[in-house]
Amino acid sequence: MPRLTRESNITVGNKEIKIEDILKTIIYLPAQQVNTFFKEINLTIPRELRMFVLREVLREKVIETRKSRLTLADELNYRLSWFTEFTETQLENLLIFFDDPKLDKMYLEEFWTDLLSYMVEKQVNPRDIKKVVDQSINHVKAVGLELPNMKTFNREIKYLFYDSFGRIDGLPPQKFRPVLYKSSTLSEIRDLGAKYDVDVPRRLKKTELADIIIKELNDRGKYTEELEVKIRGMSVLVMQRFAIDNDIKASTELKKEEIIEYILANSNETKESYFVPSSPEVYEKEVHEVEKVEEKPVKPVAVPVIEEVKEEVKEEVKAPEPEPVVEEVKAPEPEQVVETKPVAGVQYVSQHIDLSELVSEIRLLRQAVEQSNEIRLQSAQIETQSEEDYTLRKKPSDAGQPLILNSAEFYGKAKNLKEIIKTDEANEREKFIEERKVASSIGTNVEDKEADKVPGELRFFGKLFKGLGKILWKVLKVLLKIALIVAVIGIIVVTLFAVLTFFVNIPFLQGLEDSINSFPILGKGIIQHIHDLLTSFGLTQAA
């Protein structure tokens, strides 16, 4: 669906209203009411929507700021060079940093424009949209045109937004690491962790510090069990002095990259797919490298298909699978690609790809397909059962046994259920009446039948007169309206005629004036009354 603009119209209740008119009040709605509304309609919003709005609103201000600092090699200018790759939290903080009411208002207007567009796309009920519009109008009447505080508004509505799978704060981990490492502060990264309910510790524990030192000693080949016991028995200060003396980079203070890894490992958004980076170089990328991190081509090598992947694709391979044959290449260069011929049973994948993620994705896809097939099968069975139940209700069995169905277990549309209930009630009424007739003597002789006819005829005439009365009443109402309209028009015409004859002496109208005055009201004609009224105002009548 195309993105709506401020000039677009949307349905609010039963009216078509321009988005620009809605923005006049809805941008002032506080975060608490926004949260309540979206929870009530059970709608969440992709995080990319808000990031797009923030980036577009801030773009011109960032360009202007960078131009003014073009000759300065300051930290702010370098951080702003990463603007196109900022996370959502960084964009929010940048909006607060500029502290411009015009910018805040522009952001809220664009944000609500896209939000209303998304609500229309997701077919939110127009009555629900009217509800939030009415809430904004009432809020403005009570409080006035006061914009929400940007320092708290964006954070308070954070639970309305969701990330795509494997992303956090709008970015995949491959971008998240270098972007925060190069363009964010420690306090901002900790704040980002708090946004996703990750409480980043201020310092490493004693055991964690000892683990780092022992691991480094093990990598250097200097590890012994006696040394480990000695290190773990040291105090924190002595342990840090030992690390310095042995040129080991270890401290209780968490480094920036350690904080980032802690967030990725403990956030609900990424902990399921988290993996430790292969080298510290992932943090050393510049912005031009990060922009292409997802588009970087991966060089394939031939490896046998792992067992779980083979199970997923074996239905597509109809020919028997011979043993994989891989051509040997002597002494390949580090960047050289091993060339192989396509062989059945061989899967070409990247040597840098973690196959566990691929297997997990395929497994999830298979489960989704199976669930979808089960749902379609259940829906078909439910529709068939609903049609059979409806047929049985319309035509009871020949054996005359009553068909008992529990309506609480009915599957199908509510409209069909109402129709079935009405049919059952009508059948029950008819059955009851017939049983009463059989039990009584009504209708057993001619006299009773003749007697039965009289009330029926009377009822017929009663309905007939009632219908005629309604028609006559409608006709009288119409005639009354016409009479009132004619009377009003007549009074206006006579008044204008009297004013005309008062100021202008027209001989050929004298006869008409006399005819109107021939119907006296309070002793004299109506035109004469108007002439006398005009004379009382000091006006002079034409001779």
Protein backbone atom coordinates (compact mmCIF):
# COMPACT_ATOMS: atom_id res chain seq x y z
CA MET A 1 0.00 0.00 0.00
CA PRO A 2 1.43 3.45 -0.89
CA ARG A 3 2.53 5.68 1.99
CA LEU A 4 -0.12 8.23 2.91
CA THR A 5 0.65 11.94 3.18
CA ARG A 6 -0.83 14.81 5.15
CA GLU A 7 -3.17 15.53 2.24
CA SER A 8 -4.56 11.98 2.24
CA ASN A 9 -8.02 11.21 3.61
CA ILE A 10 -8.76 8.31 5.96
CA THR A 11 -11.99 6.98 7.43
CA VAL A 12 -12.53 8.05 11.04
CA GLY A 13 -15.75 6.61 12.39
CA ASN A 14 -18.15 7.14 9.50
CA LYS A 15 -16.45 10.23 8.06
CA GLU A 16 -13.56 10.89 5.69
CA ILE A 17 -11.05 13.22 7.38
CA LYS A 18 -7.77 14.62 6.07
CA ILE A 19 -4.69 13.47 8.00
CA GLU A 20 -3.52 17.07 8.31
CA ASP A 21 -6.65 17.88 10.35
CA ILE A 22 -6.07 14.88 12.62
CA LEU A 23 -2.45 15.96 13.26
CA LYS A 24 -3.67 19.25 14.78
CA THR A 25 -4.48 17.41 18.02
CA ILE A 26 -3.12 13.86 17.92
CA ILE A 27 0.57 14.92 18.08
CA TYR A 28 -0.08 16.22 21.62
CA LEU A 29 -1.34 12.86 22.91
CA PRO A 30 0.81 11.67 25.88
CA ALA A 31 2.69 8.37 25.79
CA GLN A 32 0.48 6.70 28.42
CA GLN A 33 -2.67 7.11 26.31
CA VAL A 34 -0.79 6.03 23.16
CA ASN A 35 0.33 2.83 24.93
CA THR A 36 -3.17 2.10 26.21
CA PHE A 37 -4.76 2.57 22.78
CA PHE A 38 -2.40 0.27 20.88
CA LYS A 39 -2.63 -2.39 23.60
CA GLU A 40 -6.43 -2.31 23.34
CA ILE A 41 -6.38 -2.86 19.56
CA ASN A 42 -3.50 -5.38 19.93
CA LEU A 43 -1.27 -3.77 17.29
CA THR A 44 2.54 -3.60 17.32
CA ILE A 45 4.66 -1.56 14.93
CA PRO A 46 7.91 -2.41 13.11
CA ARG A 47 10.84 -0.47 14.54
CA GLU A 48 11.94 0.51 11.02
CA LEU A 49 8.90 2.82 10.78
CA ARG A 50 10.07 5.08 13.60
CA MET A 51 13.72 4.89 12.56
CA PHE A 52 12.80 6.02 9.03
CA VAL A 53 10.89 9.02 10.39
CA LEU A 54 13.67 9.99 12.82
CA ARG A 55 16.36 9.70 10.14
CA GLU A 56 14.42 11.79 7.58
CA VAL A 57 13.54 14.51 10.11
CA LEU A 58 17.11 14.77 11.46
CA ARG A 59 18.94 14.50 8.13
CA GLU A 60 18.94 18.21 7.22
CA LYS A 61 19.97 19.26 10.75
CA VAL A 62 22.84 16.75 10.75
CA ILE A 63 24.09 17.98 7.36
CA GLU A 64 23.95 21.56 8.59
CA THR A 65 25.85 20.67 11.79
CA ARG A 66 28.55 18.76 9.91
CA LYS A 67 29.04 21.61 7.45
CA SER A 68 29.63 24.04 10.32
CA ARG A 69 32.23 21.66 11.80
CA LEU A 70 33.78 20.61 8.50
CA THR A 71 37.18 22.06 9.35
CA LEU A 72 37.12 20.70 12.91
CA ALA A 73 38.36 17.20 13.63
CA ASP A 74 36.17 16.91 16.72
CA GLU A 75 34.48 13.84 18.17
CA LEU A 76 30.93 15.02 17.41
CA ASN A 77 31.67 15.47 13.72
CA TYR A 78 33.13 11.94 13.53
CA ARG A 79 30.14 10.42 15.31
CA LEU A 80 27.73 12.20 12.99
CA SER A 81 29.55 10.68 10.02
CA TRP A 82 27.90 7.40 11.13
CA PHE A 83 24.42 8.98 11.09
CA THR A 84 23.10 6.86 8.20
CA GLU A 85 23.79 3.70 10.24
CA PHE A 86 22.62 4.91 13.67
CA THR A 87 20.53 2.66 15.87
CA GLU A 88 17.09 3.78 17.03
CA THR A 89 18.43 4.80 20.45
CA GLN A 90 21.14 6.95 18.88
CA LEU A 91 18.56 8.67 16.67
CA GLU A 92 16.32 9.33 19.69
CA ASN A 93 19.25 10.80 21.64
CA LEU A 94 20.24 12.94 18.67
CA LEU A 95 16.74 14.44 18.59
CA ILE A 96 17.10 15.28 22.29
CA PHE A 97 20.60 16.69 21.70
CA PHE A 98 19.38 19.24 19.14
CA ASP A 99 16.59 20.30 21.55
CA ASP A 100 14.58 22.12 18.85
CA PRO A 101 10.78 22.43 19.43
CA LYS A 102 10.19 22.83 15.68
CA LEU A 103 12.13 19.62 15.05
CA ASP A 104 10.16 17.83 17.78
CA LYS A 105 6.85 18.92 16.26
CA MET A 106 7.96 17.92 12.76
CA TYR A 107 8.99 14.49 14.07
CA LEU A 108 5.64 13.90 15.80
CA GLU A 109 3.70 14.99 12.70
CA GLU A 110 5.66 12.67 10.41
CA PHE A 111 5.56 9.88 12.97
CA TRP A 112 1.75 10.02 13.34
CA THR A 113 1.32 10.34 9.56
CA ASP A 114 3.19 7.07 9.03
CA LEU A 115 1.48 5.52 12.05
CA LEU A 116 -2.00 6.32 10.67
CA SER A 117 -0.89 4.98 7.28
CA TYR A 118 0.24 1.73 8.95
CA MET A 119 -3.07 1.49 10.85
CA VAL A 120 -5.02 1.85 7.60
CA GLU A 121 -2.79 -0.77 5.96
CA LYS A 122 -3.47 -3.19 8.83
CA GLN A 123 -7.23 -2.47 8.50
CA VAL A 124 -7.72 -1.05 11.98
CA ASN A 125 -11.43 -0.41 12.60
CA PRO A 126 -12.36 3.24 11.78
CA ARG A 127 -14.23 3.34 15.10
CA ASP A 128 -10.96 2.62 16.93
CA ILE A 129 -9.21 5.38 14.98
CA LYS A 130 -12.05 7.74 15.94
CA LYS A 131 -11.54 6.74 19.57
CA VAL A 132 -7.89 7.83 19.65
CA VAL A 133 -8.70 11.03 17.71
CA ASP A 134 -11.41 11.90 20.24
CA GLN A 135 -8.97 11.22 23.08
CA SER A 136 -6.48 13.66 21.56
CA ILE A 137 -9.18 16.33 21.17
CA ASN A 138 -10.24 15.94 24.81
CA HIS A 139 -6.59 16.06 25.93
CA VAL A 140 -5.95 19.30 24.02
CA LYS A 141 -9.11 20.86 25.51
CA ALA A 142 -7.97 19.94 29.01
CA VAL A 143 -4.21 20.63 28.80
CA GLY A 144 -3.69 22.78 25.71
CA LEU A 145 -1.22 22.55 22.83
CA GLU A 146 1.66 21.09 24.84
CA LEU A 147 3.98 18.65 23.04
CA PRO A 148 5.17 15.54 24.92
CA ASN A 149 8.67 15.61 26.39
CA MET A 150 10.99 13.96 23.86
CA LYS A 151 13.29 12.76 26.65
CA THR A 152 10.60 10.42 27.93
CA PHE A 153 8.01 10.02 25.13
CA ASN A 154 10.05 7.72 22.85
CA ARG A 155 11.27 5.56 25.72
CA GLU A 156 7.79 5.19 27.25
CA ILE A 157 6.31 3.82 24.00
CA LYS A 158 9.24 1.44 23.34
CA TYR A 159 7.15 -1.71 23.88
CA LEU A 160 4.90 -0.84 20.90
CA PHE A 161 7.75 -1.59 18.47
CA TYR A 162 9.35 -4.85 17.44
CA ASP A 163 12.58 -5.78 15.64
CA SER A 164 12.90 -8.13 12.71
CA PHE A 165 14.30 -11.56 13.64
CA GLY A 166 17.92 -11.39 14.78
CA ARG A 167 18.01 -7.58 14.99
CA ILE A 168 18.31 -5.32 18.00
CA ASP A 169 17.51 -1.60 18.08
CA GLY A 170 16.95 -1.79 14.32
CA LEU A 171 20.33 -3.28 13.32
CA PRO A 172 21.73 -6.81 12.84
CA PRO A 173 24.67 -7.72 15.14
CA GLN A 174 27.12 -7.37 12.21
CA LYS A 175 26.32 -3.64 12.07
CA PHE A 176 25.38 -3.18 15.72
CA ARG A 177 28.92 -3.90 16.95
CA PRO A 178 30.98 -1.43 14.84
CA VAL A 179 28.30 1.30 14.81
CA LEU A 180 28.09 1.50 18.61
CA TYR A 181 31.82 0.99 19.09
CA LYS A 182 32.74 3.84 16.72
CA SER A 183 29.93 6.35 17.26
CA SER A 184 28.51 5.88 20.77
CA THR A 185 29.55 6.57 24.34
CA LEU A 186 29.69 4.09 27.22
CA SER A 187 26.75 5.73 28.98
CA GLU A 188 24.66 5.66 25.78
CA ILE A 189 25.42 1.95 25.26
CA ARG A 190 24.46 1.17 28.86
CA ASP A 191 21.27 3.15 28.37
CA LEU A 192 20.54 1.11 25.23
CA GLY A 193 20.96 -2.06 27.29
CA ALA A 194 18.48 -0.77 29.87
CA LYS A 195 16.01 -0.09 27.04
CA TYR A 196 15.99 -3.83 26.29
CA ASP A 197 15.92 -4.82 30.00
CA VAL A 198 19.60 -5.76 30.09
CA ASP A 199 21.29 -4.57 33.30
CA VAL A 200 24.93 -4.22 32.28
CA PRO A 201 27.23 -4.64 35.32
CA ARG A 202 29.58 -1.79 36.13
CA ARG A 203 32.55 -4.02 36.95
CA LEU A 204 33.73 -7.57 36.33
CA LYS A 205 33.50 -9.97 39.21
CA LYS A 206 36.69 -11.38 40.76
CA THR A 207 36.10 -14.82 39.23
CA GLU A 208 35.49 -13.30 35.76
CA LEU A 209 38.74 -11.30 36.00
CA ALA A 210 40.62 -14.46 37.03
CA ASP A 211 39.09 -16.35 34.08
CA ILE A 212 40.42 -13.72 31.64
CA ILE A 213 43.95 -13.89 33.09
CA ILE A 214 44.03 -17.70 33.17
CA LYS A 215 42.75 -17.91 29.58
CA GLU A 216 45.49 -15.55 28.41
CA LEU A 217 48.15 -17.59 30.24
CA ASN A 218 46.77 -20.76 28.70
CA ASP A 219 46.99 -19.20 25.20
CA ARG A 220 50.65 -18.30 25.87
CA GLY A 221 51.48 -21.82 27.11
CA LYS A 222 52.34 -20.61 30.63
CA TYR A 223 49.38 -22.15 32.43
CA THR A 224 49.82 -24.48 35.39
CA GLU A 225 47.34 -25.68 37.98
CA GLU A 226 49.47 -24.23 40.78
CA LEU A 227 49.46 -20.83 39.09
CA GLU A 228 45.68 -20.95 38.68
CA VAL A 229 45.19 -21.70 42.37
CA LYS A 230 47.55 -18.83 43.24
CA ILE A 231 45.73 -16.35 40.94
CA ARG A 232 42.27 -17.26 42.20
CA GLY A 233 43.47 -16.75 45.77
CA MET A 234 44.64 -13.16 45.05
CA SER A 235 42.65 -10.06 45.90
CA VAL A 236 41.33 -7.94 43.04
CA LEU A 237 44.07 -5.30 43.41
CA VAL A 238 46.85 -7.91 43.49
CA MET A 239 45.28 -9.70 40.54
CA GLN A 240 45.25 -6.47 38.51
CA ARG A 241 48.91 -5.81 39.42
CA PHE A 242 49.76 -9.37 38.31
CA ALA A 243 48.02 -8.71 34.95
CA ILE A 244 49.98 -5.48 34.42
CA ASP A 245 53.31 -7.11 35.33
CA ASN A 246 52.67 -9.92 32.83
CA ASP A 247 51.39 -7.58 30.08
CA ILE A 248 47.86 -9.03 30.19
CA LYS A 249 45.01 -6.72 29.25
CA ALA A 250 42.56 -7.40 32.09
CA SER A 251 40.64 -4.98 34.27
CA THR A 252 37.48 -5.01 36.37
CA GLU A 253 36.20 -2.09 34.30
CA LEU A 254 34.18 -3.33 31.33
CA LYS A 255 35.46 -2.12 27.98
CA LYS A 256 33.12 -0.80 25.33
CA GLU A 257 33.20 -3.95 23.21
CA GLU A 258 32.56 -6.08 26.31
CA ILE A 259 29.45 -4.06 27.13
CA ILE A 260 28.21 -4.50 23.56
CA GLU A 261 28.78 -8.26 23.69
CA TYR A 262 27.02 -8.45 27.06
CA ILE A 263 23.93 -6.76 25.59
CA LEU A 264 23.89 -9.04 22.54
CA ALA A 265 24.30 -12.14 24.70
CA ASN A 266 21.54 -11.23 27.19
CA SER A 267 18.93 -9.34 25.17
CA ASN A 268 15.76 -11.26 24.30
CA GLU A 269 16.07 -10.02 20.73
CA THR A 270 19.49 -11.60 20.02
CA LYS A 271 20.46 -14.10 22.70
CA GLU A 272 18.98 -17.07 20.79
CA SER A 273 21.17 -16.42 17.75
CA TYR A 274 24.15 -14.91 19.59
CA PHE A 275 27.67 -16.00 18.68
CA VAL A 276 31.05 -14.72 19.84
CA PRO A 277 32.81 -12.76 17.08
CA SER A 278 35.72 -14.57 15.47
CA SER A 279 38.13 -11.64 15.90
CA PRO A 280 38.27 -8.08 17.32
CA GLU A 281 38.41 -6.77 13.74
CA VAL A 282 34.60 -6.69 13.59
CA TYR A 283 34.80 -3.54 15.75
CA GLU A 284 37.36 -1.78 13.57
CA LYS A 285 35.24 -1.28 10.45
CA GLU A 286 34.53 2.19 9.12
CA VAL A 287 31.14 3.48 7.98
CA HIS A 288 31.68 2.72 4.29
CA GLU A 289 32.47 -0.89 5.20
CA VAL A 290 29.47 -1.21 7.51
CA GLU A 291 27.07 0.08 4.82
CA LYS A 292 27.90 -2.97 2.68
CA VAL A 293 28.29 -5.53 5.45
CA GLU A 294 25.11 -7.42 4.49
CA GLU A 295 25.74 -7.18 0.75
CA LYS A 296 29.33 -8.47 0.88
CA PRO A 297 29.59 -11.45 -1.51
CA VAL A 298 30.59 -14.72 0.13
CA LYS A 299 32.96 -17.06 -1.73
CA PRO A 300 31.56 -20.61 -1.92
CA VAL A 301 33.41 -23.83 -1.25
CA ALA A 302 32.19 -27.38 -1.71
CA VAL A 303 31.33 -29.24 1.48
CA PRO A 304 29.15 -32.29 2.07
CA VAL A 305 25.58 -31.55 3.08
CA ILE A 306 25.08 -31.91 6.81
CA GLU A 307 22.52 -34.47 7.87
CA GLU A 308 19.73 -32.10 8.99
CA VAL A 309 19.90 -30.00 5.84
CA LYS A 310 19.86 -33.12 3.66
CA GLU A 311 16.59 -34.19 5.29
CA GLU A 312 14.98 -30.91 4.27
CA VAL A 313 16.05 -30.98 0.59
CA LYS A 314 15.96 -34.70 -0.14
CA GLU A 315 12.43 -34.48 -1.58
CA GLU A 316 13.69 -32.16 -4.31
CA VAL A 317 16.47 -34.57 -5.41
CA LYS A 318 14.87 -37.37 -7.42
CA ALA A 319 18.02 -38.98 -8.86
CA PRO A 320 20.08 -41.31 -6.64
CA GLU A 321 22.82 -39.49 -4.79
CA PRO A 322 26.34 -40.76 -5.59
CA GLU A 323 29.25 -40.11 -3.29
CA PRO A 324 30.35 -36.44 -3.39
CA VAL A 325 33.31 -35.86 -5.66
CA VAL A 326 35.43 -32.78 -5.03
CA GLU A 327 38.24 -31.73 -7.31
CA GLU A 328 41.51 -31.29 -5.51
CA VAL A 329 43.34 -28.02 -5.97
CA LYS A 330 47.01 -27.90 -5.12
CA ALA A 331 48.19 -25.18 -2.78
CA PRO A 332 45.31 -22.70 -3.19
CA GLU A 333 45.91 -19.07 -2.36
CA PRO A 334 44.25 -17.74 0.81
CA GLU A 335 41.71 -15.75 -1.24
CA GLN A 336 41.38 -18.34 -4.00
CA VAL A 337 38.07 -20.13 -4.49
CA VAL A 338 38.15 -23.91 -4.79
CA GLU A 339 36.45 -24.76 -8.08
CA THR A 340 34.31 -27.87 -8.12
CA LYS A 341 31.90 -29.49 -10.53
CA PRO A 342 28.24 -29.67 -9.54
CA VAL A 343 27.70 -33.10 -8.03
CA ALA A 344 24.48 -34.53 -6.62
CA GLY A 345 24.62 -34.71 -2.84
CA VAL A 346 26.98 -31.76 -2.50
CA GLN A 347 25.74 -28.48 -1.03
CA TYR A 348 27.63 -25.26 -1.86
CA VAL A 349 27.82 -23.00 1.15
CA SER A 350 30.12 -20.29 2.42
CA GLN A 351 33.04 -21.30 4.53
CA HIS A 352 32.21 -18.33 6.82
CA ILE A 353 28.54 -19.22 7.35
CA ASP A 354 27.42 -20.81 10.60
CA LEU A 355 25.29 -23.74 9.38
CA SER A 356 23.52 -24.08 12.71
CA GLU A 357 21.56 -20.89 11.96
CA LEU A 358 20.63 -22.21 8.51
CA VAL A 359 19.43 -25.51 9.98
CA SER A 360 17.42 -23.65 12.62
CA GLU A 361 15.78 -21.47 9.98
CA ILE A 362 14.87 -24.51 7.83
CA ARG A 363 13.46 -26.33 10.83
CA LEU A 364 11.30 -23.33 11.73
CA LEU A 365 10.14 -23.04 8.12
CA ARG A 366 9.15 -26.71 8.07
CA GLN A 367 7.21 -26.31 11.33
CA ALA A 368 5.43 -23.24 9.95
CA VAL A 369 4.43 -25.10 6.76
CA GLU A 370 3.17 -28.09 8.74
CA GLN A 371 1.17 -25.85 11.07
CA SER A 372 -0.29 -24.00 8.08
CA ASN A 373 -1.38 -27.29 6.47
CA GLU A 374 -2.97 -28.45 9.73
CA ILE A 375 -4.85 -25.17 10.10
CA ARG A 376 -6.20 -25.38 6.53
CA LEU A 377 -7.28 -29.00 7.10
CA GLN A 378 -9.01 -28.10 10.36
CA SER A 379 -10.77 -25.14 8.69
CA ALA A 380 -12.06 -27.40 5.90
CA GLN A 381 -13.32 -29.96 8.44
CA ILE A 382 -14.99 -27.23 10.51
CA GLU A 383 -16.79 -25.79 7.47
CA THR A 384 -17.99 -29.26 6.42
CA GLN A 385 -19.17 -30.00 9.95
CA SER A 386 -20.98 -26.63 10.14
CA GLU A 387 -22.83 -27.32 6.87
CA GLU A 388 -23.82 -30.83 8.03
CA ASP A 389 -25.03 -29.50 11.38
CA TYR A 390 -27.06 -26.82 9.63
CA THR A 391 -28.65 -29.38 7.26
CA LEU A 392 -29.53 -31.68 10.16
CA ARG A 393 -31.15 -28.79 11.99
CA LYS A 394 -33.22 -27.82 8.96
CA LYS A 395 -34.28 -31.45 8.27
CA PRO A 396 -34.55 -33.64 11.40
CA SER A 397 -33.93 -37.36 11.03
CA ASP A 398 -36.76 -39.66 9.87
CA ALA A 399 -36.61 -41.52 13.15
CA GLY A 400 -37.95 -38.42 14.85
CA GLN A 401 -35.21 -38.41 17.47
CA PRO A 402 -34.31 -34.90 18.63
CA LEU A 403 -30.85 -33.67 17.55
CA ILE A 404 -28.99 -32.21 20.52
CA LEU A 405 -26.04 -29.97 19.76
CA ASN A 406 -23.97 -27.95 22.20
CA SER A 407 -23.90 -24.39 20.80
CA ALA A 408 -20.80 -23.64 22.86
CA GLU A 409 -18.91 -26.02 20.55
CA PHE A 410 -20.19 -24.43 17.33
CA TYR A 411 -17.54 -23.73 14.68
CA GLY A 412 -18.20 -21.26 11.90
CA LYS A 413 -19.46 -17.74 11.36
CA ALA A 414 -21.54 -15.99 14.02
CA LYS A 415 -24.13 -15.07 11.36
CA ASN A 416 -24.75 -18.77 10.60
CA LEU A 417 -25.09 -19.50 14.32
CA LYS A 418 -27.74 -16.77 14.72
CA GLU A 419 -29.67 -18.14 11.74
CA ILE A 420 -29.61 -21.65 13.21
CA ILE A 421 -30.83 -20.39 16.60
CA LYS A 422 -33.70 -18.44 14.97
CA THR A 423 -34.70 -21.50 12.93
CA ASP A 424 -34.67 -23.70 16.06
CA GLU A 425 -36.81 -21.21 17.96
CA ALA A 426 -39.35 -20.98 15.10
CA ASN A 427 -39.51 -24.78 14.82
CA GLU A 428 -40.02 -25.12 18.57
CA ARG A 429 -42.85 -22.55 18.52
CA GLU A 430 -44.61 -24.28 15.61
CA LYS A 431 -44.22 -27.68 17.26
CA PHE A 432 -45.64 -26.34 20.54
CA ILE A 433 -48.67 -24.76 18.77
CA GLU A 434 -49.42 -27.95 16.84
CA GLU A 435 -49.22 -30.03 20.00
CA ARG A 436 -51.64 -27.69 21.78
CA LYS A 437 -54.08 -27.86 18.87
CA VAL A 438 -54.06 -31.64 18.89
CA ALA A 439 -54.61 -31.71 22.65
CA SER A 440 -57.60 -29.33 22.44
CA SER A 441 -60.85 -29.44 20.41
CA ILE A 442 -60.05 -26.33 18.41
CA GLY A 443 -60.54 -26.87 14.69
CA THR A 444 -62.45 -30.18 15.05
CA ASN A 445 -65.79 -28.93 13.60
CA VAL A 446 -67.13 -26.38 11.19
CA GLU A 447 -68.44 -24.05 13.89
CA ASP A 448 -65.03 -23.82 15.47
CA LYS A 449 -63.50 -23.16 12.09
CA GLU A 450 -66.02 -20.40 11.34
CA ALA A 451 -65.41 -18.98 14.80
CA ASP A 452 -61.68 -19.04 14.12
CA LYS A 453 -62.17 -17.02 10.94
CA VAL A 454 -63.71 -14.00 12.66
CA PRO A 455 -60.70 -13.00 14.77
CA GLY A 456 -58.52 -13.47 11.72
CA GLU A 457 -60.65 -11.10 9.62
CA LEU A 458 -60.77 -8.58 12.42
CA ARG A 459 -57.01 -8.79 12.70
CA PHE A 460 -56.76 -8.23 8.94
CA PHE A 461 -58.94 -5.09 9.06
CA GLY A 462 -57.09 -3.88 12.14
CA LYS A 463 -53.76 -4.18 10.31
CA LEU A 464 -55.31 -2.50 7.26
CA PHE A 465 -56.59 0.50 9.24
CA LYS A 466 -53.34 0.70 11.12
CA GLY A 467 -51.43 0.83 7.84
CA LEU A 468 -53.78 3.46 6.42
CA GLY A 469 -53.39 5.50 9.60
CA LYS A 470 -49.60 5.50 9.25
CA ILE A 471 -49.88 6.57 5.59
CA LEU A 472 -52.34 9.39 6.44
CA TRP A 473 -50.09 10.58 9.26
CA LYS A 474 -47.10 10.75 6.91
CA VAL A 475 -49.20 12.64 4.35
CA LEU A 476 -50.38 15.10 7.01
CA LYS A 477 -46.82 15.73 8.16
CA VAL A 478 -45.75 16.45 4.60
CA LEU A 479 -48.73 18.78 4.02
CA LEU A 480 -48.02 20.56 7.31
CA LYS A 481 -44.40 21.16 6.30
CA ILE A 482 -45.50 22.48 2.90
CA ALA A 483 -48.07 24.77 4.54
CA LEU A 484 -45.45 26.19 6.92
CA ILE A 485 -43.03 26.81 4.08
CA VAL A 486 -45.73 28.52 1.97
CA ALA A 487 -46.78 30.64 4.95
CA VAL A 488 -43.22 31.81 5.58
CA ILE A 489 -42.71 32.61 1.89
CA GLY A 490 -46.04 34.48 1.82
CA ILE A 491 -45.14 36.58 4.83
CA ILE A 492 -41.78 37.47 3.29
CA VAL A 493 -43.36 38.39 -0.07
CA VAL A 494 -46.09 40.54 1.58
CA THR A 495 -43.48 42.31 3.73
CA LEU A 496 -41.31 43.09 0.72
CA PHE A 497 -44.37 44.28 -1.22
CA ALA A 498 -45.40 46.56 1.66
CA VAL A 499 -41.89 48.05 1.89
CA LEU A 500 -41.85 48.61 -1.87
CA THR A 501 -45.22 50.39 -1.92
CA PHE A 502 -44.17 52.52 1.09
CA PHE A 503 -41.13 54.00 -0.61
CA VAL A 504 -42.33 53.92 -4.25
CA ASN A 505 -45.71 55.04 -5.51
CA ILE A 506 -46.73 52.57 -8.23
CA PRO A 507 -50.33 53.23 -9.41
CA PHE A 508 -50.96 49.84 -11.03
CA LEU A 509 -50.09 48.08 -7.76
CA GLN A 510 -52.69 50.05 -5.82
CA GLY A 511 -55.41 47.52 -6.60
CA LEU A 512 -53.32 44.61 -5.31
CA GLU A 513 -52.51 46.60 -2.16
CA ASP A 514 -56.20 47.25 -1.53
CA SER A 515 -57.01 43.58 -2.07
CA ILE A 516 -54.46 42.51 0.54
CA ASN A 517 -55.67 45.16 2.98
CA SER A 518 -59.24 43.91 2.51
CA PHE A 519 -58.45 41.17 5.04
CA PRO A 520 -58.32 43.21 8.26
CA ILE A 521 -56.10 42.18 11.19
CA LEU A 522 -56.77 44.10 14.41
CA GLY A 523 -58.91 46.68 12.59
CA LYS A 524 -56.71 47.30 9.51
CA GLY A 525 -54.92 45.51 6.70
CA ILE A 526 -51.51 43.87 7.11
CA ILE A 527 -49.86 46.25 4.58
CA GLN A 528 -51.21 49.19 6.50
CA HIS A 529 -49.75 47.76 9.68
CA ILE A 530 -46.31 47.57 8.00
CA HIS A 531 -46.64 51.15 6.65
CA ASP A 532 -47.51 52.43 10.13
CA LEU A 533 -44.51 50.55 11.57
CA LEU A 534 -42.14 52.13 9.05
CA THR A 535 -43.66 55.58 9.74
CA SER A 536 -43.01 55.05 13.49
CA PHE A 537 -39.32 54.68 12.65
CA GLY A 538 -39.33 58.22 11.23
CA LEU A 539 -39.47 57.19 7.58
CA THR A 540 -41.50 59.16 5.05
CA GLN A 541 -43.97 57.45 2.77
CA ALA A 542 -43.90 58.27 -0.97
CA ALA A 543 -46.73 60.57 -2.12
